[in-house]
Amino acid sequence: MRASILAELTIFRERNMKPNFSKLASENGMDRRTVKKYYENPSPVRKSREHHSYLEKHDSVIRDKVSIPGMTYAGIHGYLVHELGIQCTYQTLTWYCRRKEYHLVGSVKGPHVRYETDPGHQVQVDWKEDLRLKCRNGDTICFNVYSATLGFSRKHIFIYSPTKTEQDFIRCTNEMLLRYGGATAEILTDNMSAIVSVSEQGKGEQRRKHQNIMQWESDSGIHIRLCKPRSPETKGKDESANRFINRLLAYDGAIDSEDDIRKAITNIQNDANDKTNNEIGMSPEALFQLREKQALRPLPNMSLLTSYIDGGMTQKVPNTLLVPFQKQQYSVPPDYLGKRVRILRNGNTIEIYYNKVIIACHTYVEGKRINYRKEDYISGLSAAMGDTGADLERMAEENLRRLENR
């Protein structure tokens, strides 16, 4: 209401005169009811408008999720969007929680300075262990999540795993390499029992990687670097990624099977990679595509790495030049006597590797216990007898024939 009209109405009121409301309203481009209201009450009290949010009907869900220890607003938001189909923004949810005075149950952490790595140099991995989610039918699913974060772009890979054994670590790490489409120079992890044995010797702890893990390192060309004991902040980028895994807490009581958990993990992973990271100023996926993807090393021999979970074996070559594998024996050249080689089955072919290089191939024949390649047998016989020539080759052929007829 303009001051000039208020002054005119005040004069009429003081003189106890009733103005022509229609005329005043027409002259000032107003509604006569507004003019009449200010004549009768020059200082009307505005009624405060009650705000109602469309999140009100989901208030019980939000209140329950907020009370879960370790829960985050992002976790609640992801659950509302992906599971309940509510199209609300993150800011709307946080505004609603502030207005309702719903507070997260959090913890205070100590300081940690940032440590950066070059593109393609490092990936930090860890387990989010012993997670439990209740199903709608009351059953509880216990599981773990393998968490990987690239040191430069912060791109995350989250993998569901019922257990966390040595084979699980290798399986998940192989899958991680395939998903990234390349390999880093090193993997940084803690002293997880899946890869390290820790023993008390002398004045301190002695850590030793498992034999299979060291062989996997050699075959992949990727160094597995261990954090200092009891210093998880060393791999702080992946430790901070665990806050994304905490979003799974929002799904407690809202799943039916392991497939639902895998779907939720995928949604959380995609959200984490697609949203802007304040530390890098863009989304991890964008920085990965822009700078880190091309800096990764080519994938190692994945058939060789897969053999660590598909029944492949590492064996020391005996003086017979025959390495045992799945109840049969296969020959290698005598140059590898006393060395450790990796044997795997690829379809109907038995492949034998030394330092990532294939040194012998055999065709699998069911029930054939002894499998000498002619060239291996001749080379071994020559080294043993110090002789060469047609007689040696004829002797080799006769002995191989006798072996086949046994």
Protein backbone atom coordinates (compact mmCIF):
# COMPACT_ATOMS: atom_id res chain seq x y z
CA MET A 1 0.00 0.00 0.00
CA ARG A 2 1.39 3.39 -1.07
CA ALA A 3 1.94 6.04 1.59
CA SER A 4 -0.22 8.64 -0.23
CA ILE A 5 -3.30 6.41 -0.09
CA LEU A 6 -2.67 5.51 3.54
CA ALA A 7 -2.47 9.25 4.38
CA GLU A 8 -5.74 9.95 2.56
CA LEU A 9 -7.48 7.07 4.36
CA THR A 10 -6.15 8.38 7.68
CA ILE A 11 -7.78 11.80 7.05
CA PHE A 12 -11.14 10.17 6.28
CA ARG A 13 -10.86 8.02 9.40
CA GLU A 14 -9.94 10.99 11.69
CA ARG A 15 -12.93 12.99 10.36
CA ASN A 16 -15.14 9.94 10.84
CA MET A 17 -16.03 10.06 7.14
CA LYS A 18 -16.59 7.03 4.94
CA PRO A 19 -14.70 7.33 1.63
CA ASN A 20 -15.83 6.08 -1.73
CA PHE A 21 -13.77 2.86 -1.82
CA SER A 22 -14.59 2.11 -5.47
CA LYS A 23 -13.48 5.57 -6.61
CA LEU A 24 -10.20 5.44 -4.63
CA ALA A 25 -9.47 1.95 -5.91
CA SER A 26 -10.10 3.00 -9.52
CA GLU A 27 -7.90 6.10 -9.22
CA ASN A 28 -4.99 4.08 -7.77
CA GLY A 29 -5.35 0.89 -9.78
CA MET A 30 -6.24 -1.22 -6.76
CA ASP A 31 -8.97 -3.56 -5.61
CA ARG A 32 -11.72 -1.79 -3.55
CA ARG A 33 -11.53 -4.60 -0.95
CA THR A 34 -7.87 -3.79 -0.35
CA VAL A 35 -8.65 -0.08 0.11
CA LYS A 36 -11.51 -0.93 2.49
CA LYS A 37 -9.28 -3.32 4.49
CA TYR A 38 -6.63 -0.63 5.09
CA TYR A 39 -9.32 1.94 5.98
CA GLU A 40 -10.73 -0.36 8.64
CA ASN A 41 -7.35 -1.61 9.85
CA PRO A 42 -4.37 0.57 8.88
CA SER A 43 -1.82 -1.95 10.26
CA PRO A 44 -3.09 -5.44 9.35
CA VAL A 45 -1.08 -8.41 10.66
CA ARG A 46 0.02 -10.72 7.85
CA LYS A 47 -0.79 -14.29 8.50
CA SER A 48 2.32 -16.44 8.37
CA ARG A 49 2.03 -18.99 5.61
CA GLU A 50 2.56 -22.54 6.74
CA HIS A 51 5.08 -24.35 4.60
CA HIS A 52 4.34 -27.92 3.60
CA SER A 53 6.97 -30.05 1.86
CA TYR A 54 6.16 -33.03 -0.35
CA LEU A 55 8.70 -34.88 1.80
CA GLU A 56 6.24 -34.78 4.72
CA LYS A 57 4.60 -38.03 3.65
CA HIS A 58 8.02 -39.70 3.76
CA ASP A 59 8.90 -38.16 7.12
CA SER A 60 8.98 -41.47 9.01
CA VAL A 61 11.45 -42.94 6.48
CA ILE A 62 13.73 -39.88 6.65
CA ARG A 63 13.59 -39.77 10.45
CA ASP A 64 14.53 -43.47 10.69
CA LYS A 65 17.44 -43.14 8.24
CA VAL A 66 18.86 -40.05 9.97
CA SER A 67 19.06 -41.94 13.27
CA ILE A 68 21.33 -44.68 11.82
CA PRO A 69 24.95 -44.22 13.03
CA GLY A 70 27.26 -43.35 10.15
CA MET A 71 24.41 -42.30 7.85
CA THR A 72 24.88 -39.32 5.51
CA TYR A 73 22.42 -36.98 3.82
CA ALA A 74 23.75 -38.20 0.47
CA GLY A 75 22.95 -41.78 1.47
CA ILE A 76 19.37 -40.85 2.37
CA HIS A 77 19.02 -38.83 -0.84
CA GLY A 78 20.25 -41.74 -2.96
CA TYR A 79 17.79 -44.09 -1.28
CA LEU A 80 14.85 -41.71 -1.81
CA VAL A 81 15.70 -41.22 -5.49
CA HIS A 82 16.66 -44.77 -6.50
CA GLU A 83 14.37 -46.86 -4.29
CA LEU A 84 11.31 -44.69 -3.62
CA GLY A 85 11.40 -42.77 -6.91
CA ILE A 86 11.14 -39.37 -5.20
CA GLN A 87 12.47 -36.60 -7.46
CA CYS A 88 13.90 -34.30 -4.83
CA THR A 89 17.21 -32.47 -4.82
CA TYR A 90 19.94 -32.96 -2.23
CA GLN A 91 19.42 -29.33 -1.10
CA THR A 92 15.68 -29.92 -0.59
CA LEU A 93 16.40 -32.89 1.64
CA THR A 94 18.98 -31.05 3.78
CA TRP A 95 16.62 -28.02 4.09
CA TYR A 96 13.82 -30.34 5.21
CA CYS A 97 16.05 -32.04 7.80
CA ARG A 98 17.26 -28.68 9.17
CA ARG A 99 13.67 -27.41 9.46
CA LYS A 100 12.67 -30.60 11.27
CA GLU A 101 15.86 -30.45 13.36
CA TYR A 102 16.88 -33.96 12.30
CA HIS A 103 20.60 -34.38 13.02
CA LEU A 104 22.95 -37.06 11.73
CA VAL A 105 24.85 -39.27 14.16
CA GLY A 106 28.46 -38.44 13.23
CA SER A 107 31.97 -38.54 14.62
CA VAL A 108 34.84 -36.05 14.90
CA LYS A 109 38.05 -36.94 13.09
CA GLY A 110 41.60 -35.66 13.41
CA PRO A 111 43.47 -33.61 10.78
CA HIS A 112 44.91 -35.21 7.66
CA VAL A 113 47.03 -33.40 5.08
CA ARG A 114 46.49 -34.11 1.38
CA TYR A 115 48.84 -36.26 -0.63
CA GLU A 116 48.62 -36.30 -4.43
CA THR A 117 49.86 -38.76 -7.06
CA ASP A 118 50.45 -38.48 -10.80
CA PRO A 119 47.80 -39.74 -13.25
CA GLY A 120 47.87 -43.50 -13.63
CA HIS A 121 50.36 -44.04 -10.80
CA GLN A 122 48.27 -45.35 -7.91
CA VAL A 123 44.97 -46.94 -6.98
CA GLN A 124 44.02 -47.30 -3.33
CA VAL A 125 41.99 -50.36 -2.32
CA ASP A 126 40.33 -51.58 0.85
CA TRP A 127 37.49 -53.72 2.17
CA LYS A 128 34.35 -52.27 3.70
CA GLU A 129 33.95 -55.25 5.96
CA ASP A 130 31.20 -57.19 7.68
CA LEU A 131 28.23 -55.20 6.42
CA ARG A 132 24.74 -56.39 7.31
CA LEU A 133 21.42 -55.48 5.70
CA LYS A 134 18.03 -56.84 6.65
CA CYS A 135 15.64 -58.06 3.97
CA ARG A 136 11.94 -57.30 3.94
CA ASN A 137 11.26 -60.88 5.01
CA GLY A 138 13.44 -60.48 8.11
CA ASP A 139 16.52 -62.35 6.84
CA THR A 140 19.95 -60.72 7.17
CA ILE A 141 22.56 -60.68 4.40
CA CYS A 142 26.19 -60.37 5.51
CA PHE A 143 28.67 -59.17 2.91
CA ASN A 144 31.71 -57.02 2.14
CA VAL A 145 32.45 -54.34 -0.46
CA TYR A 146 35.79 -54.11 -2.27
CA SER A 147 36.47 -50.40 -2.65
CA ALA A 148 39.01 -48.93 -5.11
CA THR A 149 39.82 -45.26 -5.75
CA LEU A 150 42.28 -43.87 -8.31
CA GLY A 151 44.73 -41.51 -6.62
CA PHE A 152 44.53 -38.76 -9.26
CA SER A 153 40.95 -38.65 -10.58
CA ARG A 154 39.27 -40.21 -7.50
CA LYS A 155 37.20 -42.48 -9.75
CA HIS A 156 35.67 -45.23 -7.62
CA ILE A 157 34.98 -48.91 -8.22
CA PHE A 158 32.80 -50.76 -5.69
CA ILE A 159 32.42 -54.57 -5.92
CA TYR A 160 30.11 -56.81 -3.90
CA SER A 161 31.80 -59.81 -2.26
CA PRO A 162 30.23 -62.31 0.16
CA THR A 163 33.67 -63.13 1.63
CA LYS A 164 37.11 -61.49 1.72
CA THR A 165 39.62 -64.28 1.10
CA GLU A 166 42.84 -64.16 -0.91
CA GLN A 167 40.94 -65.39 -3.98
CA ASP A 168 38.28 -62.71 -3.43
CA PHE A 169 40.98 -60.03 -3.34
CA ILE A 170 42.51 -61.30 -6.61
CA ARG A 171 39.08 -61.70 -8.27
CA CYS A 172 37.98 -58.18 -7.30
CA THR A 173 41.34 -56.67 -8.29
CA ASN A 174 41.16 -58.36 -11.70
CA GLU A 175 37.63 -57.01 -12.15
CA MET A 176 38.80 -53.54 -11.08
CA LEU A 177 41.51 -53.53 -13.79
CA LEU A 178 38.96 -54.53 -16.43
CA ARG A 179 36.52 -51.82 -15.34
CA TYR A 180 39.19 -49.11 -15.42
CA GLY A 181 40.42 -50.44 -18.75
CA GLY A 182 44.09 -50.30 -17.70
CA ALA A 183 46.55 -50.72 -14.85
CA THR A 184 48.30 -48.36 -12.44
CA ALA A 185 51.94 -48.63 -11.46
CA GLU A 186 51.02 -49.58 -7.90
CA ILE A 187 48.20 -50.67 -5.63
CA LEU A 188 48.18 -49.17 -2.14
CA THR A 189 46.41 -51.16 0.54
CA ASP A 190 46.58 -51.99 4.22
CA ASN A 191 47.75 -55.19 5.91
CA MET A 192 44.58 -57.15 5.15
CA SER A 193 44.77 -60.82 6.05
CA ALA A 194 43.79 -61.77 2.50
CA ILE A 195 47.24 -60.78 1.24
CA VAL A 196 49.57 -60.45 4.24
CA SER A 197 50.69 -62.61 7.15
CA VAL A 198 51.73 -60.62 10.23
CA SER A 199 53.89 -62.19 12.93
CA GLU A 200 55.65 -60.94 16.05
CA GLN A 201 59.42 -61.25 15.71
CA GLY A 202 62.03 -59.49 17.81
CA LYS A 203 61.04 -55.93 18.62
CA GLY A 204 58.22 -55.49 16.12
CA GLU A 205 55.82 -56.98 13.62
CA GLN A 206 57.03 -58.79 10.52
CA ARG A 207 54.78 -58.56 7.48
CA ARG A 208 55.02 -60.99 4.59
CA LYS A 209 52.85 -61.14 1.49
CA HIS A 210 51.36 -64.50 0.59
CA GLN A 211 53.19 -66.48 -2.10
CA ASN A 212 50.24 -66.30 -4.50
CA ILE A 213 50.03 -62.52 -4.05
CA MET A 214 53.73 -62.08 -4.81
CA GLN A 215 53.36 -64.26 -7.90
CA TRP A 216 50.29 -62.23 -8.98
CA GLU A 217 52.39 -59.06 -8.56
CA SER A 218 55.08 -60.52 -10.81
CA ASP A 219 52.60 -61.64 -13.47
CA SER A 220 50.63 -58.38 -13.46
CA GLY A 221 53.63 -56.04 -13.26
CA ILE A 222 51.79 -54.05 -10.57
CA HIS A 223 53.50 -53.43 -7.23
CA ILE A 224 51.29 -53.92 -4.17
CA ARG A 225 52.47 -51.39 -1.58
CA LEU A 226 51.44 -51.85 2.03
CA CYS A 227 50.47 -49.00 4.35
CA LYS A 228 52.29 -48.45 7.58
CA PRO A 229 50.53 -50.58 10.26
CA ARG A 230 47.63 -48.85 12.03
CA SER A 231 47.82 -45.87 9.67
CA PRO A 232 44.70 -46.07 7.46
CA GLU A 233 45.02 -42.35 6.64
CA THR A 234 47.92 -43.29 4.34
CA LYS A 235 45.28 -44.37 1.84
CA GLY A 236 42.94 -41.58 2.81
CA LYS A 237 41.31 -41.21 -0.62
CA ASP A 238 39.89 -44.70 -0.44
CA GLU A 239 39.14 -44.38 3.27
CA SER A 240 37.08 -41.29 2.45
CA ALA A 241 35.32 -43.30 -0.27
CA ASN A 242 33.91 -45.49 2.51
CA ARG A 243 31.45 -42.70 3.27
CA PHE A 244 29.81 -43.57 -0.05
CA ILE A 245 29.49 -47.21 1.06
CA ASN A 246 27.77 -45.95 4.23
CA ARG A 247 24.90 -44.95 1.97
CA LEU A 248 24.00 -48.66 1.86
CA LEU A 249 22.71 -48.25 5.42
CA ALA A 250 19.67 -46.50 3.96
CA TYR A 251 18.63 -49.80 2.32
CA ASP A 252 18.34 -51.69 5.59
CA GLY A 253 14.97 -53.44 5.63
CA ALA A 254 14.25 -52.42 2.03
CA ILE A 255 15.89 -55.24 0.02
CA ASP A 256 14.87 -58.73 -1.03
CA SER A 257 18.10 -60.34 -2.28
CA GLU A 258 21.82 -59.97 -3.03
CA ASP A 259 20.89 -58.65 -6.48
CA ASP A 260 19.20 -55.68 -4.81
CA ILE A 261 22.42 -54.97 -2.90
CA ARG A 262 24.48 -55.15 -6.12
CA LYS A 263 22.05 -52.75 -7.80
CA ALA A 264 22.29 -50.33 -4.87
CA ILE A 265 26.12 -50.51 -4.95
CA THR A 266 26.06 -49.69 -8.68
CA ASN A 267 23.80 -46.68 -8.08
CA ILE A 268 26.05 -45.43 -5.27
CA GLN A 269 29.17 -45.89 -7.41
CA ASN A 270 27.66 -43.98 -10.34
CA ASP A 271 26.51 -41.14 -8.10
CA ALA A 272 29.97 -40.90 -6.51
CA ASN A 273 31.69 -40.74 -9.91
CA ASP A 274 29.25 -38.37 -11.61
CA LYS A 275 28.93 -35.66 -8.97
CA THR A 276 31.45 -32.84 -8.61
CA ASN A 277 34.27 -33.55 -6.16
CA ASN A 278 35.24 -30.37 -4.28
CA GLU A 279 38.91 -31.39 -4.07
CA ILE A 280 39.37 -31.69 -7.85
CA GLY A 281 36.75 -29.18 -9.01
CA MET A 282 34.91 -31.60 -11.31
CA SER A 283 33.42 -35.09 -11.25
CA PRO A 284 35.83 -38.06 -10.92
CA GLU A 285 34.45 -39.52 -14.15
CA ALA A 286 35.17 -36.30 -16.05
CA LEU A 287 38.75 -36.04 -14.76
CA PHE A 288 39.31 -39.74 -15.44
CA GLN A 289 38.24 -39.37 -19.07
CA LEU A 290 40.12 -36.08 -19.46
CA ARG A 291 43.52 -37.00 -18.00
CA GLU A 292 43.88 -40.32 -16.20
CA LYS A 293 42.45 -42.91 -18.59
CA GLN A 294 45.20 -42.36 -21.17
CA ALA A 295 47.87 -42.43 -18.43
CA LEU A 296 46.99 -45.99 -17.35
CA ARG A 297 49.24 -48.83 -18.44
CA PRO A 298 47.87 -51.43 -20.87
CA LEU A 299 46.01 -54.30 -19.24
CA PRO A 300 48.27 -57.22 -18.27
CA ASN A 301 47.58 -60.75 -19.53
CA MET A 302 44.13 -61.19 -17.97
CA SER A 303 43.97 -64.90 -18.82
CA LEU A 304 47.09 -65.38 -16.74
CA LEU A 305 45.71 -63.31 -13.85
CA THR A 306 42.34 -65.08 -14.02
CA SER A 307 44.14 -68.39 -13.53
CA TYR A 308 44.65 -67.41 -9.88
CA ILE A 309 40.93 -67.89 -9.29
CA ASP A 310 40.18 -70.47 -11.99
CA GLY A 311 42.46 -73.25 -10.76
CA GLY A 312 45.82 -72.17 -12.17
CA MET A 313 48.93 -73.22 -10.25
CA THR A 314 52.49 -72.10 -9.66
CA GLN A 315 55.01 -74.95 -9.62
CA LYS A 316 58.77 -75.38 -9.38
CA VAL A 317 60.23 -77.23 -12.39
CA PRO A 318 61.78 -80.59 -11.27
CA ASN A 319 64.67 -82.38 -13.03
CA THR A 320 62.15 -84.44 -15.03
CA LEU A 321 61.09 -81.15 -16.69
CA LEU A 322 57.48 -82.20 -15.96
CA VAL A 323 55.31 -79.81 -13.90
CA PRO A 324 52.18 -81.29 -12.30
CA PHE A 325 48.79 -79.76 -13.03
CA GLN A 326 45.33 -81.25 -12.39
CA LYS A 327 46.64 -84.84 -11.98
CA GLN A 328 48.69 -84.70 -15.19
CA GLN A 329 52.25 -83.58 -15.97
CA TYR A 330 53.49 -81.25 -18.71
CA SER A 331 57.01 -80.58 -19.96
CA VAL A 332 58.93 -77.32 -20.25
CA PRO A 333 62.33 -76.54 -21.84
CA PRO A 334 65.38 -77.48 -19.67
CA ASP A 335 66.35 -73.77 -19.39
CA TYR A 336 63.63 -73.43 -16.72
CA LEU A 337 64.85 -76.25 -14.47
CA GLY A 338 64.46 -75.21 -10.81
CA LYS A 339 62.41 -72.10 -11.66
CA ARG A 340 58.79 -71.39 -10.69
CA VAL A 341 56.34 -71.38 -13.58
CA ARG A 342 52.61 -70.69 -13.83
CA ILE A 343 50.31 -73.30 -15.41
CA LEU A 344 46.75 -72.66 -16.53
CA ARG A 345 44.14 -74.25 -18.73
CA ASN A 346 42.70 -72.16 -21.55
CA GLY A 347 40.01 -74.23 -23.24
CA ASN A 348 41.74 -77.37 -24.55
CA THR A 349 45.18 -75.80 -24.27
CA ILE A 350 47.52 -76.02 -21.30
CA GLU A 351 49.65 -72.85 -21.15
CA ILE A 352 52.83 -72.55 -19.08
CA TYR A 353 54.28 -69.10 -18.26
CA TYR A 354 57.50 -67.80 -16.79
CA ASN A 355 57.70 -64.10 -15.91
CA LYS A 356 54.54 -63.35 -17.92
CA VAL A 357 56.04 -65.01 -21.06
CA ILE A 358 54.50 -68.21 -22.36
CA ILE A 359 57.20 -70.90 -22.59
CA ALA A 360 55.20 -74.03 -23.50
CA CYS A 361 51.78 -75.05 -24.82
CA HIS A 362 50.22 -78.52 -24.65
CA THR A 363 46.96 -79.85 -26.04
CA TYR A 364 44.86 -81.25 -23.23
CA VAL A 365 44.23 -84.99 -23.59
CA GLU A 366 41.99 -86.51 -20.94
CA GLY A 367 43.65 -89.32 -19.03
CA LYS A 368 47.15 -88.76 -20.46
CA ARG A 369 49.33 -88.52 -17.34
CA ILE A 370 52.70 -87.75 -18.96
CA ASN A 371 52.85 -85.01 -21.60
CA TYR A 372 56.32 -84.42 -23.04
CA ARG A 373 56.85 -82.15 -26.02
CA LYS A 374 59.37 -83.80 -28.33
CA GLU A 375 61.66 -80.75 -28.38
CA ASP A 376 61.69 -80.56 -24.56
CA TYR A 377 62.55 -84.23 -24.23
CA ILE A 378 65.35 -84.07 -26.81
CA SER A 379 66.83 -80.92 -25.21
CA GLY A 380 66.70 -82.51 -21.77
CA LEU A 381 68.23 -85.78 -22.99
CA SER A 382 70.98 -83.87 -24.79
CA ALA A 383 71.80 -81.86 -21.66
CA ALA A 384 71.91 -85.03 -19.57
CA MET A 385 74.05 -87.09 -21.97
CA GLY A 386 76.12 -84.31 -23.51
CA ASP A 387 75.30 -85.70 -26.95
CA THR A 388 73.44 -84.63 -30.08
CA GLY A 389 72.62 -86.11 -33.46
CA ALA A 390 70.32 -88.64 -35.13
CA ASP A 391 70.94 -91.36 -32.55
CA LEU A 392 69.80 -89.07 -29.76
CA GLU A 393 66.65 -88.11 -31.66
CA ARG A 394 65.88 -91.78 -32.40
CA MET A 395 66.39 -92.65 -28.71
CA ALA A 396 64.04 -89.82 -27.73
CA GLU A 397 61.33 -91.00 -30.13
CA GLU A 398 61.54 -94.59 -28.82
CA ASN A 399 61.31 -93.48 -25.19
CA LEU A 400 58.36 -91.17 -25.91
CA ARG A 401 56.58 -94.02 -27.69
CA ARG A 402 57.09 -96.26 -24.65
CA LEU A 403 55.68 -93.54 -22.37
CA GLU A 404 52.56 -93.20 -24.50
CA ASN A 405 51.98 -96.97 -24.42
CA ARG A 406 52.17 -97.24 -20.64
